[in-house]
Every structure is written in structure tokens, then in C-alpha cells.
Amino acid sequence: MIEVTKLNGLKTLINPDLIETVESNPDTVISFTTGRKIIVKESRQEVNNLVKSYRKELFAKE
């Protein structure tokens, strides 16, 4: 799970395996394979870096 911040300031954990797209227009919108979307404070690049770090950590444990 990765932690992101919604526009209202609440931190939330999301499953990066369910992310379909991340768009910045200008707000960052994360779309999931479930059809759900959330808007977050993090930039598109920050979300990308969080997912990369999550995957590195996951594979390091194997």
C-alpha cells in the first residue's frame, strides 16, 4: 500500500496494483481498475515514485 493525501488533507492508503492511470490536469487524478477515481495533492511524478519505491520494497522481500 502507498500513502497519498486527498485534497481535504486526509491521508489514505491505496493499492498501487489497482492503479490504471495517473493524470495531472492540473490536479492529480488517480484512476483505478475498479472505476473509482481520487484526486490527490501529490504530483503525478510523486505518485510514480511512491509506486516504484513500493515495488522495490516488495521485490526485495522475495
PDB file of N, CA and C in Angstrom:
ATOM      1  N   MET A   1       0.840  -1.178   0.000  1.00  0.00           N
ATOM      2  CA  MET A   1       0.000   0.000   0.000  1.00  0.00           C
ATOM      3  C   MET A   1       0.887   1.243   0.000  1.00  0.00           C
ATOM      4  N   ILE A   2       0.426   2.279  -0.666  1.00  0.00           N
ATOM      5  CA  ILE A   2       1.127   3.560  -0.641  1.00  0.00           C
ATOM      6  C   ILE A   2       0.204   4.612  -0.048  1.00  0.00           C
ATOM      7  N   GLU A   3       0.809   5.591   0.620  1.00  0.00           N
ATOM      8  CA  GLU A   3       0.031   6.643   1.268  1.00  0.00           C
ATOM      9  C   GLU A   3       0.022   7.894   0.400  1.00  0.00           C
ATOM     10  N   VAL A   4      -1.184   8.412   0.152  1.00  0.00           N
ATOM     11  CA  VAL A   4      -1.363   9.662  -0.592  1.00  0.00           C
ATOM     12  C   VAL A   4      -2.261  10.582   0.229  1.00  0.00           C
ATOM     13  N   THR A   5      -2.294  11.858  -0.165  1.00  0.00           N
ATOM     14  CA  THR A   5      -3.071  12.856   0.560  1.00  0.00           C
ATOM     15  C   THR A   5      -4.189  13.381  -0.322  1.00  0.00           C
ATOM     16  N   LYS A   6      -5.421  13.226   0.145  1.00  0.00           N
ATOM     17  CA  LYS A   6      -6.553  13.784  -0.592  1.00  0.00           C
ATOM     18  C   LYS A   6      -6.540  15.306  -0.466  1.00  0.00           C
ATOM     19  N   LEU A   7      -7.305  15.984  -1.301  1.00  0.00           N
ATOM     20  CA  LEU A   7      -7.323  17.442  -1.282  1.00  0.00           C
ATOM     21  C   LEU A   7      -7.789  18.018   0.044  1.00  0.00           C
ATOM     22  N   ASN A   8      -8.604  17.266   0.778  1.00  0.00           N
ATOM     23  CA  ASN A   8      -9.084  17.747   2.080  1.00  0.00           C
ATOM     24  C   ASN A   8      -8.057  17.528   3.188  1.00  0.00           C
ATOM     25  N   GLY A   9      -6.875  17.014   2.848  1.00  0.00           N
ATOM     26  CA  GLY A   9      -5.797  16.823   3.803  1.00  0.00           C
ATOM     27  C   GLY A   9      -5.747  15.450   4.449  1.00  0.00           C
ATOM     28  N   LEU A  10      -6.761  14.629   4.219  1.00  0.00           N
ATOM     29  CA  LEU A  10      -6.778  13.288   4.798  1.00  0.00           C
ATOM     30  C   LEU A  10      -5.801  12.376   4.068  1.00  0.00           C
ATOM     31  N   LYS A  11      -5.006  11.660   4.857  1.00  0.00           N
ATOM     32  CA  LYS A  11      -4.089  10.663   4.298  1.00  0.00           C
ATOM     33  C   LYS A  11      -4.867   9.382   4.073  1.00  0.00           C
ATOM     34  N   THR A  12      -4.574   8.710   2.975  1.00  0.00           N
ATOM     35  CA  THR A  12      -5.246   7.454   2.684  1.00  0.00           C
ATOM     36  C   THR A  12      -4.252   6.488   2.061  1.00  0.00           C
ATOM     37  N   LEU A  13      -4.457   5.206   2.322  1.00  0.00           N
ATOM     38  CA  LEU A  13      -3.625   4.172   1.723  1.00  0.00           C
ATOM     39  C   LEU A  13      -4.343   3.601   0.518  1.00  0.00           C
ATOM     40  N   ILE A  14      -3.588   3.434  -0.573  1.00  0.00           N
ATOM     41  CA  ILE A  14      -4.187   2.858  -1.780  1.00  0.00           C
ATOM     42  C   ILE A  14      -3.332   1.681  -2.252  1.00  0.00           C
ATOM     43  N   ASN A  15      -3.967   0.791  -2.951  1.00  0.00           N
ATOM     44  CA  ASN A  15      -3.293  -0.372  -3.512  1.00  0.00           C
ATOM     45  C   ASN A  15      -2.744   0.008  -4.889  1.00  0.00           C
ATOM     46  N   PRO A  16      -1.428   0.107  -5.039  1.00  0.00           N
ATOM     47  CA  PRO A  16      -0.866   0.535  -6.322  1.00  0.00           C
ATOM     48  C   PRO A  16      -1.097  -0.474  -7.445  1.00  0.00           C
ATOM     49  N   ASP A  17      -1.420  -1.721  -7.096  1.00  0.00           N
ATOM     50  CA  ASP A  17      -1.690  -2.720  -8.122  1.00  0.00           C
ATOM     51  C   ASP A  17      -3.005  -2.448  -8.846  1.00  0.00           C
ATOM     52  N   LEU A  18      -3.866  -1.614  -8.242  1.00  0.00           N
ATOM     53  CA  LEU A  18      -5.157  -1.306  -8.856  1.00  0.00           C
ATOM     54  C   LEU A  18      -5.151   0.006  -9.646  1.00  0.00           C
ATOM     55  N   ILE A  19      -4.000   0.694  -9.662  1.00  0.00           N
ATOM     56  CA  ILE A  19      -3.925   1.965 -10.395  1.00  0.00           C
ATOM     57  C   ILE A  19      -3.905   1.681 -11.891  1.00  0.00           C
ATOM     58  N   GLU A  20      -4.794   2.355 -12.592  1.00  0.00           N
ATOM     59  CA  GLU A  20      -4.843   2.224 -14.048  1.00  0.00           C
ATOM     60  C   GLU A  20      -4.127   3.402 -14.704  1.00  0.00           C
ATOM     61  N   THR A  21      -4.473   4.640 -14.267  1.00  0.00           N
ATOM     62  CA  THR A  21      -3.817   5.825 -14.806  1.00  0.00           C
ATOM     63  C   THR A  21      -3.637   6.864 -13.709  1.00  0.00           C
ATOM     64  N   VAL A  22      -2.642   7.738 -13.923  1.00  0.00           N
ATOM     65  CA  VAL A  22      -2.419   8.894 -13.055  1.00  0.00           C
ATOM     66  C   VAL A  22      -2.280  10.091 -13.985  1.00  0.00           C
ATOM     67  N   GLU A  23      -3.187  11.049 -13.841  1.00  0.00           N
ATOM     68  CA  GLU A  23      -3.195  12.224 -14.706  1.00  0.00           C
ATOM     69  C   GLU A  23      -3.044  13.484 -13.865  1.00  0.00           C
ATOM     70  N   SER A  24      -2.387  14.489 -14.445  1.00  0.00           N
ATOM     71  CA  SER A  24      -2.324  15.790 -13.771  1.00  0.00           C
ATOM     72  C   SER A  24      -2.854  16.833 -14.732  1.00  0.00           C
ATOM     73  N   ASN A  25      -3.958  17.461 -14.314  1.00  0.00           N
ATOM     74  CA  ASN A  25      -4.661  18.325 -15.256  1.00  0.00           C
ATOM     75  C   ASN A  25      -5.431  19.448 -14.570  1.00  0.00           C
ATOM     76  N   PRO A  26      -5.012  20.349 -13.776  1.00  0.00           N
ATOM     77  CA  PRO A  26      -3.724  20.400 -13.076  1.00  0.00           C
ATOM     78  C   PRO A  26      -3.715  19.558 -11.800  1.00  0.00           C
ATOM     79  N   ASP A  27      -4.906  19.182 -11.279  1.00  0.00           N
ATOM     80  CA  ASP A  27      -4.924  18.307 -10.096  1.00  0.00           C
ATOM     81  C   ASP A  27      -4.527  16.894 -10.518  1.00  0.00           C
ATOM     82  N   THR A  28      -3.950  16.160  -9.592  1.00  0.00           N
ATOM     83  CA  THR A  28      -3.549  14.784  -9.871  1.00  0.00           C
ATOM     84  C   THR A  28      -4.728  13.863  -9.597  1.00  0.00           C
ATOM     85  N   VAL A  29      -5.156  13.150 -10.634  1.00  0.00           N
ATOM     86  CA  VAL A  29      -6.292  12.235 -10.543  1.00  0.00           C
ATOM     87  C   VAL A  29      -5.779  10.816 -10.747  1.00  0.00           C
ATOM     88  N   ILE A  30      -6.042   9.971  -9.754  1.00  0.00           N
ATOM     89  CA  ILE A  30      -5.674   8.557  -9.855  1.00  0.00           C
ATOM     90  C   ILE A  30      -6.933   7.781 -10.202  1.00  0.00           C
ATOM     91  N   SER A  31      -6.870   7.037 -11.309  1.00  0.00           N
ATOM     92  CA  SER A  31      -7.981   6.181 -11.730  1.00  0.00           C
ATOM     93  C   SER A  31      -7.606   4.730 -11.454  1.00  0.00           C
ATOM     94  N   PHE A  32      -8.566   3.995 -10.917  1.00  0.00           N
ATOM     95  CA  PHE A  32      -8.332   2.602 -10.559  1.00  0.00           C
ATOM     96  C   PHE A  32      -9.048   1.672 -11.529  1.00  0.00           C
ATOM     97  N   THR A  33      -8.599   0.435 -11.565  1.00  0.00           N
ATOM     98  CA  THR A  33      -9.221  -0.565 -12.437  1.00  0.00           C
ATOM     99  C   THR A  33     -10.665  -0.836 -12.036  1.00  0.00           C
ATOM    100  N   THR A  34     -11.033  -0.443 -10.822  1.00  0.00           N
ATOM    101  CA  THR A  34     -12.397  -0.644 -10.329  1.00  0.00           C
ATOM    102  C   THR A  34     -13.362   0.425 -10.842  1.00  0.00           C
ATOM    103  N   GLY A  35     -12.814   1.472 -11.486  1.00  0.00           N
ATOM    104  CA  GLY A  35     -13.640   2.572 -11.968  1.00  0.00           C
ATOM    105  C   GLY A  35     -13.634   3.765 -11.024  1.00  0.00           C
ATOM    106  N   ARG A  36     -13.127   3.577  -9.816  1.00  0.00           N
ATOM    107  CA  ARG A  36     -13.052   4.660  -8.827  1.00  0.00           C
ATOM    108  C   ARG A  36     -11.939   5.624  -9.200  1.00  0.00           C
ATOM    109  N   LYS A  37     -12.113   6.886  -8.826  1.00  0.00           N
ATOM    110  CA  LYS A  37     -11.096   7.911  -9.043  1.00  0.00           C
ATOM    111  C   LYS A  37     -10.951   8.728  -7.772  1.00  0.00           C
ATOM    112  N   ILE A  38      -9.708   9.155  -7.481  1.00  0.00           N
ATOM    113  CA  ILE A  38      -9.490  10.073  -6.375  1.00  0.00           C
ATOM    114  C   ILE A  38      -8.543  11.177  -6.833  1.00  0.00           C
ATOM    115  N   ILE A  39      -8.715  12.346  -6.241  1.00  0.00           N
ATOM    116  CA  ILE A  39      -7.841  13.481  -6.514  1.00  0.00           C
ATOM    117  C   ILE A  39      -6.916  13.625  -5.318  1.00  0.00           C
ATOM    118  N   VAL A  40      -5.608  13.742  -5.592  1.00  0.00           N
ATOM    119  CA  VAL A  40      -4.624  13.805  -4.518  1.00  0.00           C
ATOM    120  C   VAL A  40      -3.732  15.036  -4.662  1.00  0.00           C
ATOM    121  N   LYS A  41      -3.082  15.397  -3.550  1.00  0.00           N
ATOM    122  CA  LYS A  41      -2.184  16.554  -3.534  1.00  0.00           C
ATOM    123  C   LYS A  41      -0.840  16.247  -4.191  1.00  0.00           C
ATOM    124  N   GLU A  42      -0.415  14.987  -4.128  1.00  0.00           N
ATOM    125  CA  GLU A  42       0.870  14.617  -4.707  1.00  0.00           C
ATOM    126  C   GLU A  42       0.852  14.812  -6.226  1.00  0.00           C
ATOM    127  N   SER A  43       2.013  15.120  -6.774  1.00  0.00           N
ATOM    128  CA  SER A  43       2.122  15.276  -8.225  1.00  0.00           C
ATOM    129  C   SER A  43       2.117  13.889  -8.879  1.00  0.00           C
ATOM    130  N   ARG A  44       1.951  13.886 -10.180  1.00  0.00           N
ATOM    131  CA  ARG A  44       1.988  12.634 -10.937  1.00  0.00           C
ATOM    132  C   ARG A  44       3.332  11.940 -10.712  1.00  0.00           C
ATOM    133  N   GLN A  45       4.408  12.709 -10.734  1.00  0.00           N
ATOM    134  CA  GLN A  45       5.746  12.143 -10.544  1.00  0.00           C
ATOM    135  C   GLN A  45       5.923  11.585  -9.127  1.00  0.00           C
ATOM    136  N   GLU A  46       5.374  12.282  -8.129  1.00  0.00           N
ATOM    137  CA  GLU A  46       5.455  11.785  -6.747  1.00  0.00           C
ATOM    138  C   GLU A  46       4.725  10.446  -6.607  1.00  0.00           C
ATOM    139  N   VAL A  47       3.559  10.331  -7.238  1.00  0.00           N
ATOM    140  CA  VAL A  47       2.815   9.067  -7.192  1.00  0.00           C
ATOM    141  C   VAL A  47       3.636   7.981  -7.879  1.00  0.00           C
ATOM    142  N   ASN A  48       4.223   8.319  -9.002  1.00  0.00           N
ATOM    143  CA  ASN A  48       5.068   7.376  -9.733  1.00  0.00           C
ATOM    144  C   ASN A  48       6.222   6.903  -8.849  1.00  0.00           C
ATOM    145  N   ASN A  49       6.876   7.820  -8.161  1.00  0.00           N
ATOM    146  CA  ASN A  49       7.989   7.471  -7.278  1.00  0.00           C
ATOM    147  C   ASN A  49       7.533   6.600  -6.107  1.00  0.00           C
ATOM    148  N   LEU A  50       6.354   6.884  -5.557  1.00  0.00           N
ATOM    149  CA  LEU A  50       5.807   6.062  -4.474  1.00  0.00           C
ATOM    150  C   LEU A  50       5.566   4.627  -4.937  1.00  0.00           C
ATOM    151  N   VAL A  51       5.019   4.483  -6.146  1.00  0.00           N
ATOM    152  CA  VAL A  51       4.754   3.150  -6.690  1.00  0.00           C
ATOM    153  C   VAL A  51       6.072   2.416  -6.927  1.00  0.00           C
ATOM    154  N   LYS A  52       7.055   3.111  -7.483  1.00  0.00           N
ATOM    155  CA  LYS A  52       8.369   2.487  -7.721  1.00  0.00           C
ATOM    156  C   LYS A  52       8.990   2.018  -6.410  1.00  0.00           C
ATOM    157  N   SER A  53       8.949   2.867  -5.381  1.00  0.00           N
ATOM    158  CA  SER A  53       9.508   2.502  -4.075  1.00  0.00           C
ATOM    159  C   SER A  53       8.780   1.295  -3.486  1.00  0.00           C
ATOM    160  N   TYR A  54       7.462   1.287  -3.622  1.00  0.00           N
ATOM    161  CA  TYR A  54       6.650   0.168  -3.126  1.00  0.00           C
ATOM    162  C   TYR A  54       7.080  -1.130  -3.810  1.00  0.00           C
ATOM    163  N   ARG A  55       7.222  -1.084  -5.119  1.00  0.00           N
ATOM    164  CA  ARG A  55       7.585  -2.291  -5.868  1.00  0.00           C
ATOM    165  C   ARG A  55       9.007  -2.758  -5.526  1.00  0.00           C
ATOM    166  N   LYS A  56       9.935  -1.822  -5.366  1.00  0.00           N
ATOM    167  CA  LYS A  56      11.301  -2.192  -4.984  1.00  0.00           C
ATOM    168  C   LYS A  56      11.302  -2.887  -3.632  1.00  0.00           C
ATOM    169  N   GLU A  57      10.545  -2.339  -2.687  1.00  0.00           N
ATOM    170  CA  GLU A  57      10.454  -2.922  -1.358  1.00  0.00           C
ATOM    171  C   GLU A  57       9.814  -4.294  -1.407  1.00  0.00           C
ATOM    172  N   LEU A  58       8.794  -4.436  -2.230  1.00  0.00           N
ATOM    173  CA  LEU A  58       8.081  -5.707  -2.358  1.00  0.00           C
ATOM    174  C   LEU A  58       8.998  -6.783  -2.913  1.00  0.00           C
ATOM    175  N   PHE A  59       9.749  -6.469  -3.954  1.00  0.00           N
ATOM    176  CA  PHE A  59      10.617  -7.460  -4.590  1.00  0.00           C
ATOM    177  C   PHE A  59      11.860  -7.743  -3.753  1.00  0.00           C
ATOM    178  N   ALA A  60      12.268  -6.804  -2.919  1.00  0.00           N
ATOM    179  CA  ALA A  60      13.423  -7.014  -2.052  1.00  0.00           C
ATOM    180  C   ALA A  60      13.131  -8.059  -0.980  1.00  0.00           C
ATOM    181  N   LYS A  61      11.858  -8.226  -0.635  1.00  0.00           N
ATOM    182  CA  LYS A  61      11.450  -9.179   0.393  1.00  0.00           C
ATOM    183  C   LYS A  61      11.393 -10.604  -0.120  1.00  0.00           C
ATOM    184  N   GLU A  62      11.360 -10.750  -1.428  1.00  0.00           N
ATOM    185  CA  GLU A  62      11.223 -12.109  -2.004  1.00  0.00           C
ATOM    186  C   GLU A  62      12.539 -12.838  -2.071  1.00  0.00           C
TER     187      GLU A  62
END
